[in-house]
Amino acid sequence: MSYKIRSHGIVLVVGVGLGCLIGRLLVKAPDQEAGTEAMPPVTAGSPGQVPGVVAGQPKGDKTPGQQPARSRDAGKASGASLIEFQAALAKTKVMGYSYDGSQQMETMKLIDQLEGPDILAAVKSVLKGTRGWQSQVYLQPLFKRLASQDVAVALKEAQALTRPQERASAMAGVFHAWAAKDPTAVVNWLNAQPAGAERTRILQAAVPGLAEAAPEAAYTLMQALSPQTLRNYGYLIFSRWAKTDPVGALSKMMATPMGQQGEYYIPGIISEWAQRDMNAADAWVKSLPKGKIQGVATRGLLAAIAATD
């Protein structure tokens, strides 16, 4: 009898011990995923952020239309979307530098699901796991996403990148989001930057986003760059400008020394205009002096007619 009591006691002790062990394994902070370090929330008041360090730097929450960075739990990343992004990025890394458009698109879609501190965690994963064009491909949309939530933090983090091409991609993403909110603030910030090679690189990164939101301002800033740079970005600026003021855009483009490359842009801009308003485009082309430019512009009208048939 005493033997049976002792054996039941052993079973009881073992059972209790296993229960405690299982309980400890199951009690785990939900946001502490394997390999993911909890990060502070991305807000204008984050420790270490000093608004005004860069000339003209935006003041965090005071940016018009800015939404504060959000997280599911203050001081911790939300986790789920970040882990999915990191897993997709790992597949790209395994493939090396081979191009897989479908895999890249799947990874890019996940960026739009990232919030607050998860975005910076994703940036760290990209910088650690990719190089060259692969890192640049992901950095631009990541910083665009970050700037849509906090321009000041995005600008500071982008400028802190040490590799020139990666920094340029990140800055381009910041300017895309910032110019969509407040193009005037972007222009003021750019004008406040000291002259030199770095300012030139910053201007080149800013042009695509600024051209979309304020093409006339982008054109004015481009005057400080080389004629070749203006020719490279000319179509982007003038085609966007022509959507609201085709006569003004075409007149300015034709007055800008862009060489033969400028002639290549005219038919495309005329064609887009003619598809919206054939009569106005046709009248403008006919008002041009007879000669080479009128012939080039006429090709744009013919392209618009063909597109509508």
C-alpha atoms as a PDB file:
ATOM      1  CA  MET A   1       0.000   0.000   0.000  1.00  0.00           C
ATOM      2  CA  SER A   2       2.809   2.325   0.911  1.00  0.00           C
ATOM      3  CA  TYR A   3       4.457   1.589  -2.470  1.00  0.00           C
ATOM      4  CA  LYS A   4       1.314   2.587  -4.353  1.00  0.00           C
ATOM      5  CA  ILE A   5       1.077   5.846  -2.400  1.00  0.00           C
ATOM      6  CA  ARG A   6       4.693   6.688  -3.254  1.00  0.00           C
ATOM      7  CA  SER A   7       4.197   5.875  -6.952  1.00  0.00           C
ATOM      8  CA  HIS A   8       1.123   8.097  -7.101  1.00  0.00           C
ATOM      9  CA  GLY A   9       3.165  10.798  -5.420  1.00  0.00           C
ATOM     10  CA  ILE A  10       5.859  10.496  -8.077  1.00  0.00           C
ATOM     11  CA  VAL A  11       3.274  10.713 -10.844  1.00  0.00           C
ATOM     12  CA  LEU A  12       1.744  13.744  -9.150  1.00  0.00           C
ATOM     13  CA  VAL A  13       5.103  15.501  -8.822  1.00  0.00           C
ATOM     14  CA  VAL A  14       6.069  14.720 -12.415  1.00  0.00           C
ATOM     15  CA  GLY A  15       2.664  15.929 -13.631  1.00  0.00           C
ATOM     16  CA  VAL A  16       2.941  19.198 -11.760  1.00  0.00           C
ATOM     17  CA  GLY A  17       6.480  19.731 -13.050  1.00  0.00           C
ATOM     18  CA  LEU A  18       5.476  19.126 -16.661  1.00  0.00           C
ATOM     19  CA  GLY A  19       2.530  21.490 -16.252  1.00  0.00           C
ATOM     20  CA  CYS A  20       4.800  24.285 -15.016  1.00  0.00           C
ATOM     21  CA  LEU A  21       7.253  23.704 -17.856  1.00  0.00           C
ATOM     22  CA  ILE A  22       4.522  23.794 -20.519  1.00  0.00           C
ATOM     23  CA  GLY A  23       3.036  26.902 -18.903  1.00  0.00           C
ATOM     24  CA  ARG A  24       6.366  28.710 -19.078  1.00  0.00           C
ATOM     25  CA  LEU A  25       6.787  27.786 -22.744  1.00  0.00           C
ATOM     26  CA  LEU A  26       3.318  29.035 -23.608  1.00  0.00           C
ATOM     27  CA  VAL A  27       3.545  32.334 -21.731  1.00  0.00           C
ATOM     28  CA  LYS A  28       5.391  34.443 -24.293  1.00  0.00           C
ATOM     29  CA  ALA A  29       5.136  38.093 -25.247  1.00  0.00           C
ATOM     30  CA  PRO A  30       3.114  38.113 -28.488  1.00  0.00           C
ATOM     31  CA  ASP A  31       5.324  40.649 -30.208  1.00  0.00           C
ATOM     32  CA  GLN A  32       8.676  38.981 -29.512  1.00  0.00           C
ATOM     33  CA  GLU A  33       8.936  36.953 -32.682  1.00  0.00           C
ATOM     34  CA  ALA A  34      12.094  35.009 -33.371  1.00  0.00           C
ATOM     35  CA  GLY A  35      14.793  37.287 -34.732  1.00  0.00           C
ATOM     36  CA  THR A  36      12.650  40.439 -34.400  1.00  0.00           C
ATOM     37  CA  GLU A  37      13.758  43.093 -31.952  1.00  0.00           C
ATOM     38  CA  ALA A  38      11.076  45.354 -30.527  1.00  0.00           C
ATOM     39  CA  MET A  39      11.679  48.962 -31.631  1.00  0.00           C
ATOM     40  CA  PRO A  40      10.417  52.309 -30.324  1.00  0.00           C
ATOM     41  CA  PRO A  41       7.532  53.868 -32.251  1.00  0.00           C
ATOM     42  CA  VAL A  42       8.355  56.138 -35.165  1.00  0.00           C
ATOM     43  CA  THR A  43       7.035  59.539 -34.124  1.00  0.00           C
ATOM     44  CA  ALA A  44       8.274  63.099 -34.344  1.00  0.00           C
ATOM     45  CA  GLY A  45       9.098  62.936 -30.643  1.00  0.00           C
ATOM     46  CA  SER A  46      11.193  59.774 -30.786  1.00  0.00           C
ATOM     47  CA  PRO A  47      14.366  59.926 -28.668  1.00  0.00           C
ATOM     48  CA  GLY A  48      17.304  61.107 -30.723  1.00  0.00           C
ATOM     49  CA  GLN A  49      15.271  63.119 -33.209  1.00  0.00           C
ATOM     50  CA  VAL A  50      16.221  66.767 -33.185  1.00  0.00           C
ATOM     51  CA  PRO A  51      13.988  68.801 -35.527  1.00  0.00           C
ATOM     52  CA  GLY A  52      15.932  71.551 -37.227  1.00  0.00           C
ATOM     53  CA  VAL A  53      19.271  69.704 -37.373  1.00  0.00           C
ATOM     54  CA  VAL A  54      19.016  69.876 -41.168  1.00  0.00           C
ATOM     55  CA  ALA A  55      18.255  73.293 -42.623  1.00  0.00           C
ATOM     56  CA  GLY A  56      14.557  73.535 -43.335  1.00  0.00           C
ATOM     57  CA  GLN A  57      13.802  70.138 -41.815  1.00  0.00           C
ATOM     58  CA  PRO A  58      10.045  69.588 -41.281  1.00  0.00           C
ATOM     59  CA  LYS A  59       8.766  69.671 -37.708  1.00  0.00           C
ATOM     60  CA  GLY A  60       7.328  66.198 -37.221  1.00  0.00           C
ATOM     61  CA  ASP A  61       3.620  66.315 -36.402  1.00  0.00           C
ATOM     62  CA  LYS A  62       3.313  69.874 -37.720  1.00  0.00           C
ATOM     63  CA  THR A  63       3.611  68.778 -41.336  1.00  0.00           C
ATOM     64  CA  PRO A  64       0.229  69.553 -42.986  1.00  0.00           C
ATOM     65  CA  GLY A  65      -1.856  66.433 -43.447  1.00  0.00           C
ATOM     66  CA  GLN A  66       0.671  64.296 -41.611  1.00  0.00           C
ATOM     67  CA  GLN A  67      -0.618  61.253 -39.784  1.00  0.00           C
ATOM     68  CA  PRO A  68       1.197  60.138 -36.642  1.00  0.00           C
ATOM     69  CA  ALA A  69       2.996  56.830 -36.824  1.00  0.00           C
ATOM     70  CA  ARG A  70       0.872  54.047 -35.410  1.00  0.00           C
ATOM     71  CA  SER A  71       1.691  50.787 -33.681  1.00  0.00           C
ATOM     72  CA  ARG A  72      -0.455  48.125 -32.096  1.00  0.00           C
ATOM     73  CA  ASP A  73       1.339  48.441 -28.784  1.00  0.00           C
ATOM     74  CA  ALA A  74       3.305  51.544 -27.810  1.00  0.00           C
ATOM     75  CA  GLY A  75       7.023  50.847 -28.078  1.00  0.00           C
ATOM     76  CA  LYS A  76       6.611  47.567 -29.978  1.00  0.00           C
ATOM     77  CA  ALA A  77       6.324  46.619 -33.631  1.00  0.00           C
ATOM     78  CA  SER A  78       3.109  44.954 -34.801  1.00  0.00           C
ATOM     79  CA  GLY A  79       5.094  41.998 -36.110  1.00  0.00           C
ATOM     80  CA  ALA A  80       2.838  40.105 -38.530  1.00  0.00           C
ATOM     81  CA  SER A  81       3.345  42.192 -41.676  1.00  0.00           C
ATOM     82  CA  LEU A  82       7.022  42.682 -40.887  1.00  0.00           C
ATOM     83  CA  ILE A  83       7.619  38.937 -40.616  1.00  0.00           C
ATOM     84  CA  GLU A  84       5.853  38.401 -43.946  1.00  0.00           C
ATOM     85  CA  PHE A  85       8.010  41.074 -45.567  1.00  0.00           C
ATOM     86  CA  GLN A  86      11.210  39.588 -44.144  1.00  0.00           C
ATOM     87  CA  ALA A  87      10.215  36.127 -45.368  1.00  0.00           C
ATOM     88  CA  ALA A  88       9.530  37.450 -48.876  1.00  0.00           C
ATOM     89  CA  LEU A  89      12.817  39.348 -48.839  1.00  0.00           C
ATOM     90  CA  ALA A  90      14.653  36.175 -47.830  1.00  0.00           C
ATOM     91  CA  LYS A  91      13.341  34.443 -50.978  1.00  0.00           C
ATOM     92  CA  THR A  92      14.801  37.245 -53.063  1.00  0.00           C
ATOM     93  CA  LYS A  93      18.119  36.860 -51.255  1.00  0.00           C
ATOM     94  CA  VAL A  94      18.190  33.124 -51.944  1.00  0.00           C
ATOM     95  CA  MET A  95      17.637  33.819 -55.640  1.00  0.00           C
ATOM     96  CA  GLY A  96      20.690  36.089 -55.647  1.00  0.00           C
ATOM     97  CA  TYR A  97      20.687  38.814 -58.258  1.00  0.00           C
ATOM     98  CA  SER A  98      18.431  37.046 -60.729  1.00  0.00           C
ATOM     99  CA  TYR A  99      15.334  39.047 -61.586  1.00  0.00           C
ATOM    100  CA  ASP A 100      11.970  37.623 -60.627  1.00  0.00           C
ATOM    101  CA  GLY A 101       9.239  40.168 -61.305  1.00  0.00           C
ATOM    102  CA  SER A 102       6.446  38.239 -59.607  1.00  0.00           C
ATOM    103  CA  GLN A 103       8.417  37.724 -56.392  1.00  0.00           C
ATOM    104  CA  GLN A 104       9.439  41.365 -56.362  1.00  0.00           C
ATOM    105  CA  MET A 105       5.830  42.513 -56.772  1.00  0.00           C
ATOM    106  CA  GLU A 106       4.673  40.288 -53.923  1.00  0.00           C
ATOM    107  CA  THR A 107       7.357  41.749 -51.668  1.00  0.00           C
ATOM    108  CA  MET A 108       6.484  45.312 -52.696  1.00  0.00           C
ATOM    109  CA  LYS A 109       2.806  44.793 -51.863  1.00  0.00           C
ATOM    110  CA  LEU A 110       3.709  43.974 -48.281  1.00  0.00           C
ATOM    111  CA  ILE A 111       5.323  47.405 -47.824  1.00  0.00           C
ATOM    112  CA  ASP A 112       1.900  49.070 -47.886  1.00  0.00           C
ATOM    113  CA  GLN A 113       0.892  46.983 -44.866  1.00  0.00           C
ATOM    114  CA  LEU A 114       3.794  48.134 -42.687  1.00  0.00           C
ATOM    115  CA  GLU A 115       3.208  50.679 -39.944  1.00  0.00           C
ATOM    116  CA  GLY A 116       5.426  52.867 -37.784  1.00  0.00           C
ATOM    117  CA  PRO A 117       8.457  51.063 -36.318  1.00  0.00           C
ATOM    118  CA  ASP A 118       7.966  48.059 -38.585  1.00  0.00           C
ATOM    119  CA  ILE A 119       9.003  50.240 -41.537  1.00  0.00           C
ATOM    120  CA  LEU A 120      12.393  51.022 -40.015  1.00  0.00           C
ATOM    121  CA  ALA A 121      12.816  47.357 -39.098  1.00  0.00           C
ATOM    122  CA  ALA A 122      12.108  46.466 -42.737  1.00  0.00           C
ATOM    123  CA  VAL A 123      14.680  49.043 -43.872  1.00  0.00           C
ATOM    124  CA  LYS A 124      17.284  47.373 -41.646  1.00  0.00           C
ATOM    125  CA  SER A 125      16.411  43.993 -43.161  1.00  0.00           C
ATOM    126  CA  VAL A 126      16.879  45.372 -46.687  1.00  0.00           C
ATOM    127  CA  LEU A 127      20.223  46.983 -45.852  1.00  0.00           C
ATOM    128  CA  LYS A 128      21.441  43.791 -44.215  1.00  0.00           C
ATOM    129  CA  GLY A 129      20.140  41.304 -46.761  1.00  0.00           C
ATOM    130  CA  THR A 130      20.467  42.964 -50.160  1.00  0.00           C
ATOM    131  CA  ARG A 131      22.900  45.043 -52.194  1.00  0.00           C
ATOM    132  CA  GLY A 132      22.968  47.056 -55.403  1.00  0.00           C
ATOM    133  CA  TRP A 133      19.781  47.467 -57.400  1.00  0.00           C
ATOM    134  CA  GLN A 134      17.855  45.111 -55.101  1.00  0.00           C
ATOM    135  CA  SER A 135      18.252  47.353 -52.065  1.00  0.00           C
ATOM    136  CA  GLN A 136      17.416  50.453 -54.109  1.00  0.00           C
ATOM    137  CA  VAL A 137      14.234  48.867 -55.430  1.00  0.00           C
ATOM    138  CA  TYR A 138      12.877  48.350 -51.911  1.00  0.00           C
ATOM    139  CA  LEU A 139      14.284  51.443 -50.199  1.00  0.00           C
ATOM    140  CA  GLN A 140      12.340  53.933 -52.285  1.00  0.00           C
ATOM    141  CA  PRO A 141       8.840  52.557 -51.491  1.00  0.00           C
ATOM    142  CA  LEU A 142       9.825  51.896 -47.871  1.00  0.00           C
ATOM    143  CA  PHE A 143      10.862  55.509 -47.340  1.00  0.00           C
ATOM    144  CA  LYS A 144       7.843  56.742 -49.245  1.00  0.00           C
ATOM    145  CA  ARG A 145       5.704  54.758 -46.815  1.00  0.00           C
ATOM    146  CA  LEU A 146       7.638  56.093 -43.838  1.00  0.00           C
ATOM    147  CA  ALA A 147       7.407  59.711 -45.050  1.00  0.00           C
ATOM    148  CA  SER A 148       3.659  59.359 -45.526  1.00  0.00           C
ATOM    149  CA  GLN A 149       3.497  58.847 -41.744  1.00  0.00           C
ATOM    150  CA  ASP A 150       6.339  61.072 -40.525  1.00  0.00           C
ATOM    151  CA  VAL A 151       8.344  63.244 -42.919  1.00  0.00           C
ATOM    152  CA  ALA A 152      10.883  64.393 -40.325  1.00  0.00           C
ATOM    153  CA  VAL A 153      11.850  60.876 -39.269  1.00  0.00           C
ATOM    154  CA  ALA A 154      11.981  59.638 -42.869  1.00  0.00           C
ATOM    155  CA  LEU A 155      14.200  62.529 -43.937  1.00  0.00           C
ATOM    156  CA  LYS A 156      16.571  62.036 -41.025  1.00  0.00           C
ATOM    157  CA  GLU A 157      16.865  58.269 -41.585  1.00  0.00           C
ATOM    158  CA  ALA A 158      17.362  58.676 -45.357  1.00  0.00           C
ATOM    159  CA  GLN A 159      20.156  61.201 -44.922  1.00  0.00           C
ATOM    160  CA  ALA A 160      21.877  58.890 -42.438  1.00  0.00           C
ATOM    161  CA  LEU A 161      22.410  56.167 -45.068  1.00  0.00           C
ATOM    162  CA  THR A 162      26.061  55.965 -46.051  1.00  0.00           C
ATOM    163  CA  ARG A 163      25.951  54.383 -49.519  1.00  0.00           C
ATOM    164  CA  PRO A 164      25.220  57.134 -52.102  1.00  0.00           C
ATOM    165  CA  GLN A 165      22.889  55.104 -54.338  1.00  0.00           C
ATOM    166  CA  GLU A 166      20.890  53.769 -51.399  1.00  0.00           C
ATOM    167  CA  ARG A 167      20.641  57.259 -49.925  1.00  0.00           C
ATOM    168  CA  ALA A 168      19.434  58.632 -53.273  1.00  0.00           C
ATOM    169  CA  SER A 169      16.730  55.947 -53.527  1.00  0.00           C
ATOM    170  CA  ALA A 170      15.580  56.611 -49.976  1.00  0.00           C
ATOM    171  CA  MET A 171      15.500  60.384 -50.531  1.00  0.00           C
ATOM    172  CA  ALA A 172      13.474  59.898 -53.725  1.00  0.00           C
ATOM    173  CA  GLY A 173      10.891  57.970 -51.714  1.00  0.00           C
ATOM    174  CA  VAL A 174      10.742  60.712 -49.077  1.00  0.00           C
ATOM    175  CA  PHE A 175      10.211  63.424 -51.686  1.00  0.00           C
ATOM    176  CA  HIS A 176       7.450  61.475 -53.435  1.00  0.00           C
ATOM    177  CA  ALA A 177       5.385  61.387 -50.254  1.00  0.00           C
ATOM    178  CA  TRP A 178       6.360  64.842 -48.999  1.00  0.00           C
ATOM    179  CA  ALA A 179       5.717  66.647 -52.299  1.00  0.00           C
ATOM    180  CA  ALA A 180       2.274  65.048 -52.535  1.00  0.00           C
ATOM    181  CA  LYS A 181       1.420  66.667 -49.173  1.00  0.00           C
ATOM    182  CA  ASP A 182       3.233  69.997 -49.311  1.00  0.00           C
ATOM    183  CA  PRO A 183       5.300  70.796 -52.439  1.00  0.00           C
ATOM    184  CA  THR A 184       5.983  74.324 -51.173  1.00  0.00           C
ATOM    185  CA  ALA A 185       7.696  72.929 -48.069  1.00  0.00           C
ATOM    186  CA  VAL A 186       9.814  70.674 -50.281  1.00  0.00           C
ATOM    187  CA  VAL A 187      10.926  73.601 -52.439  1.00  0.00           C
ATOM    188  CA  ASN A 188      11.774  75.694 -49.374  1.00  0.00           C
ATOM    189  CA  TRP A 189      13.789  72.849 -47.869  1.00  0.00           C
ATOM    190  CA  LEU A 190      15.675  72.255 -51.117  1.00  0.00           C
ATOM    191  CA  ASN A 191      16.455  75.947 -51.527  1.00  0.00           C
ATOM    192  CA  ALA A 192      17.912  75.992 -48.010  1.00  0.00           C
ATOM    193  CA  GLN A 193      20.487  73.300 -48.777  1.00  0.00           C
ATOM    194  CA  PRO A 194      24.067  74.527 -49.285  1.00  0.00           C
ATOM    195  CA  ALA A 195      25.495  74.454 -52.795  1.00  0.00           C
ATOM    196  CA  GLY A 196      27.664  71.505 -53.701  1.00  0.00           C
ATOM    197  CA  ALA A 197      27.664  67.944 -54.972  1.00  0.00           C
ATOM    198  CA  GLU A 198      25.328  66.688 -52.237  1.00  0.00           C
ATOM    199  CA  ARG A 199      22.723  69.342 -53.043  1.00  0.00           C
ATOM    200  CA  THR A 200      22.881  68.306 -56.698  1.00  0.00           C
ATOM    201  CA  ARG A 201      22.245  64.673 -55.751  1.00  0.00           C
ATOM    202  CA  ILE A 202      19.360  65.721 -53.503  1.00  0.00           C
ATOM    203  CA  LEU A 203      17.780  67.778 -56.296  1.00  0.00           C
ATOM    204  CA  GLN A 204      18.014  64.838 -58.685  1.00  0.00           C
ATOM    205  CA  ALA A 205      16.304  62.622 -56.112  1.00  0.00           C
ATOM    206  CA  ALA A 206      13.573  65.223 -55.548  1.00  0.00           C
ATOM    207  CA  VAL A 207      12.635  65.877 -59.177  1.00  0.00           C
ATOM    208  CA  PRO A 208      10.410  62.821 -59.870  1.00  0.00           C
ATOM    209  CA  GLY A 209       8.200  63.329 -56.819  1.00  0.00           C
ATOM    210  CA  LEU A 210       8.109  67.104 -57.177  1.00  0.00           C
ATOM    211  CA  ALA A 211       7.382  66.873 -60.906  1.00  0.00           C
ATOM    212  CA  GLU A 212       4.271  64.867 -60.130  1.00  0.00           C
ATOM    213  CA  ALA A 213       2.942  67.365 -57.587  1.00  0.00           C
ATOM    214  CA  ALA A 214       4.361  70.692 -58.803  1.00  0.00           C
ATOM    215  CA  PRO A 215       5.979  70.423 -62.258  1.00  0.00           C
ATOM    216  CA  GLU A 216       6.576  74.157 -62.631  1.00  0.00           C
ATOM    217  CA  ALA A 217       8.502  74.208 -59.362  1.00  0.00           C
ATOM    218  CA  ALA A 218      10.455  71.127 -60.461  1.00  0.00           C
ATOM    219  CA  TYR A 219      11.367  72.899 -63.701  1.00  0.00           C
ATOM    220  CA  THR A 220      12.609  75.968 -61.817  1.00  0.00           C
ATOM    221  CA  LEU A 221      14.805  73.852 -59.548  1.00  0.00           C
ATOM    222  CA  MET A 222      16.169  71.938 -62.511  1.00  0.00           C
ATOM    223  CA  GLN A 223      17.685  75.125 -63.878  1.00  0.00           C
ATOM    224  CA  ALA A 224      20.413  74.717 -61.272  1.00  0.00           C
ATOM    225  CA  LEU A 225      21.406  71.346 -62.730  1.00  0.00           C
ATOM    226  CA  SER A 226      23.234  70.416 -65.893  1.00  0.00           C
ATOM    227  CA  PRO A 227      21.465  70.599 -69.297  1.00  0.00           C
ATOM    228  CA  GLN A 228      21.844  66.818 -69.597  1.00  0.00           C
ATOM    229  CA  THR A 229      19.973  66.290 -66.329  1.00  0.00           C
ATOM    230  CA  LEU A 230      17.183  68.554 -67.556  1.00  0.00           C
ATOM    231  CA  ARG A 231      16.983  66.574 -70.784  1.00  0.00           C
ATOM    232  CA  ASN A 232      16.812  63.322 -68.812  1.00  0.00           C
ATOM    233  CA  TYR A 233      13.910  64.519 -66.667  1.00  0.00           C
ATOM    234  CA  GLY A 234      12.288  66.764 -69.265  1.00  0.00           C
ATOM    235  CA  TYR A 235       9.512  64.450 -70.348  1.00  0.00           C
ATOM    236  CA  LEU A 236       8.565  63.670 -66.754  1.00  0.00           C
ATOM    237  CA  ILE A 237       8.250  67.375 -65.940  1.00  0.00           C
ATOM    238  CA  PHE A 238       6.607  68.656 -69.110  1.00  0.00           C
ATOM    239  CA  SER A 239       4.165  65.773 -69.614  1.00  0.00           C
ATOM    240  CA  ARG A 240       2.840  66.238 -66.068  1.00  0.00           C
ATOM    241  CA  TRP A 241       2.720  70.007 -66.536  1.00  0.00           C
ATOM    242  CA  ALA A 242       0.777  69.577 -69.768  1.00  0.00           C
ATOM    243  CA  LYS A 243      -2.018  67.757 -67.970  1.00  0.00           C
ATOM    244  CA  THR A 244      -3.162  71.074 -66.480  1.00  0.00           C
ATOM    245  CA  ASP A 245      -1.552  73.616 -68.834  1.00  0.00           C
ATOM    246  CA  PRO A 246      -0.575  72.064 -72.178  1.00  0.00           C
ATOM    247  CA  VAL A 247       0.077  75.372 -73.937  1.00  0.00           C
ATOM    248  CA  GLY A 248       2.262  76.663 -71.098  1.00  0.00           C
ATOM    249  CA  ALA A 249       4.171  73.389 -70.809  1.00  0.00           C
ATOM    250  CA  LEU A 250       4.817  73.036 -74.543  1.00  0.00           C
ATOM    251  CA  SER A 251       5.807  76.683 -74.908  1.00  0.00           C
ATOM    252  CA  LYS A 252       8.277  76.408 -72.029  1.00  0.00           C
ATOM    253  CA  MET A 253       9.661  73.136 -73.335  1.00  0.00           C
ATOM    254  CA  MET A 254      10.227  74.549 -76.814  1.00  0.00           C
ATOM    255  CA  ALA A 255      12.013  77.549 -75.303  1.00  0.00           C
ATOM    256  CA  THR A 256      14.315  75.298 -73.263  1.00  0.00           C
ATOM    257  CA  PRO A 257      17.578  74.204 -74.900  1.00  0.00           C
ATOM    258  CA  MET A 258      17.006  70.464 -74.884  1.00  0.00           C
ATOM    259  CA  GLY A 259      18.408  69.653 -78.295  1.00  0.00           C
ATOM    260  CA  GLN A 260      17.052  66.801 -80.378  1.00  0.00           C
ATOM    261  CA  GLN A 261      15.788  65.056 -77.265  1.00  0.00           C
ATOM    262  CA  GLY A 262      13.216  67.808 -76.794  1.00  0.00           C
ATOM    263  CA  GLU A 263      11.803  67.043 -80.221  1.00  0.00           C
ATOM    264  CA  TYR A 264      11.242  63.456 -79.168  1.00  0.00           C
ATOM    265  CA  TYR A 265       9.035  64.623 -76.293  1.00  0.00           C
ATOM    266  CA  ILE A 266       6.688  66.787 -78.345  1.00  0.00           C
ATOM    267  CA  PRO A 267       4.637  64.069 -80.119  1.00  0.00           C
ATOM    268  CA  GLY A 268       3.918  62.218 -76.875  1.00  0.00           C
ATOM    269  CA  ILE A 269       2.721  65.339 -75.070  1.00  0.00           C
ATOM    270  CA  ILE A 270       0.644  66.458 -78.057  1.00  0.00           C
ATOM    271  CA  SER A 271      -0.895  62.991 -78.338  1.00  0.00           C
ATOM    272  CA  GLU A 272      -1.967  62.942 -74.675  1.00  0.00           C
ATOM    273  CA  TRP A 273      -3.417  66.442 -75.021  1.00  0.00           C
ATOM    274  CA  ALA A 274      -5.249  65.594 -78.249  1.00  0.00           C
ATOM    275  CA  GLN A 275      -6.878  62.561 -76.665  1.00  0.00           C
ATOM    276  CA  ARG A 276      -8.367  64.894 -74.070  1.00  0.00           C
ATOM    277  CA  ASP A 277      -9.159  67.824 -76.385  1.00  0.00           C
ATOM    278  CA  MET A 278      -8.486  67.234 -80.072  1.00  0.00           C
ATOM    279  CA  ASN A 279      -9.790  70.625 -81.226  1.00  0.00           C
ATOM    280  CA  ALA A 280      -7.536  72.616 -78.896  1.00  0.00           C
ATOM    281  CA  ALA A 281      -4.468  70.529 -79.687  1.00  0.00           C
ATOM    282  CA  ASP A 282      -5.119  70.719 -83.428  1.00  0.00           C
ATOM    283  CA  ALA A 283      -5.536  74.512 -83.283  1.00  0.00           C
ATOM    284  CA  TRP A 284      -2.273  74.911 -81.368  1.00  0.00           C
ATOM    285  CA  VAL A 285      -0.327  72.749 -83.818  1.00  0.00           C
ATOM    286  CA  LYS A 286      -1.699  74.721 -86.768  1.00  0.00           C
ATOM    287  CA  SER A 287      -0.613  77.969 -85.077  1.00  0.00           C
ATOM    288  CA  LEU A 288       3.019  76.873 -85.122  1.00  0.00           C
ATOM    289  CA  PRO A 289       5.301  78.220 -87.863  1.00  0.00           C
ATOM    290  CA  LYS A 290       5.477  75.825 -90.767  1.00  0.00           C
ATOM    291  CA  GLY A 291       8.562  73.742 -90.623  1.00  0.00           C
ATOM    292  CA  LYS A 292      10.212  70.923 -88.704  1.00  0.00           C
ATOM    293  CA  ILE A 293       8.591  71.554 -85.296  1.00  0.00           C
ATOM    294  CA  GLN A 294       5.095  71.715 -86.740  1.00  0.00           C
ATOM    295  CA  GLY A 295       5.752  68.443 -88.532  1.00  0.00           C
ATOM    296  CA  VAL A 296       6.935  66.822 -85.303  1.00  0.00           C
ATOM    297  CA  ALA A 297       3.841  68.106 -83.476  1.00  0.00           C
ATOM    298  CA  THR A 298       1.567  66.816 -86.230  1.00  0.00           C
ATOM    299  CA  ARG A 299       2.852  63.299 -85.556  1.00  0.00           C
ATOM    300  CA  GLY A 300       1.392  63.638 -82.077  1.00  0.00           C
ATOM    301  CA  LEU A 301      -2.043  64.454 -83.530  1.00  0.00           C
ATOM    302  CA  LEU A 302      -1.859  61.441 -85.822  1.00  0.00           C
ATOM    303  CA  ALA A 303      -0.880  59.214 -82.899  1.00  0.00           C
ATOM    304  CA  ALA A 304      -3.903  60.431 -80.933  1.00  0.00           C
ATOM    305  CA  ILE A 305      -6.227  59.712 -83.883  1.00  0.00           C
ATOM    306  CA  ALA A 306      -4.789  56.211 -84.202  1.00  0.00           C
ATOM    307  CA  ALA A 307      -5.210  55.613 -80.465  1.00  0.00           C
ATOM    308  CA  THR A 308      -8.901  56.498 -80.558  1.00  0.00           C
ATOM    309  CA  ASP A 309      -9.756  54.355 -83.601  1.00  0.00           C
END
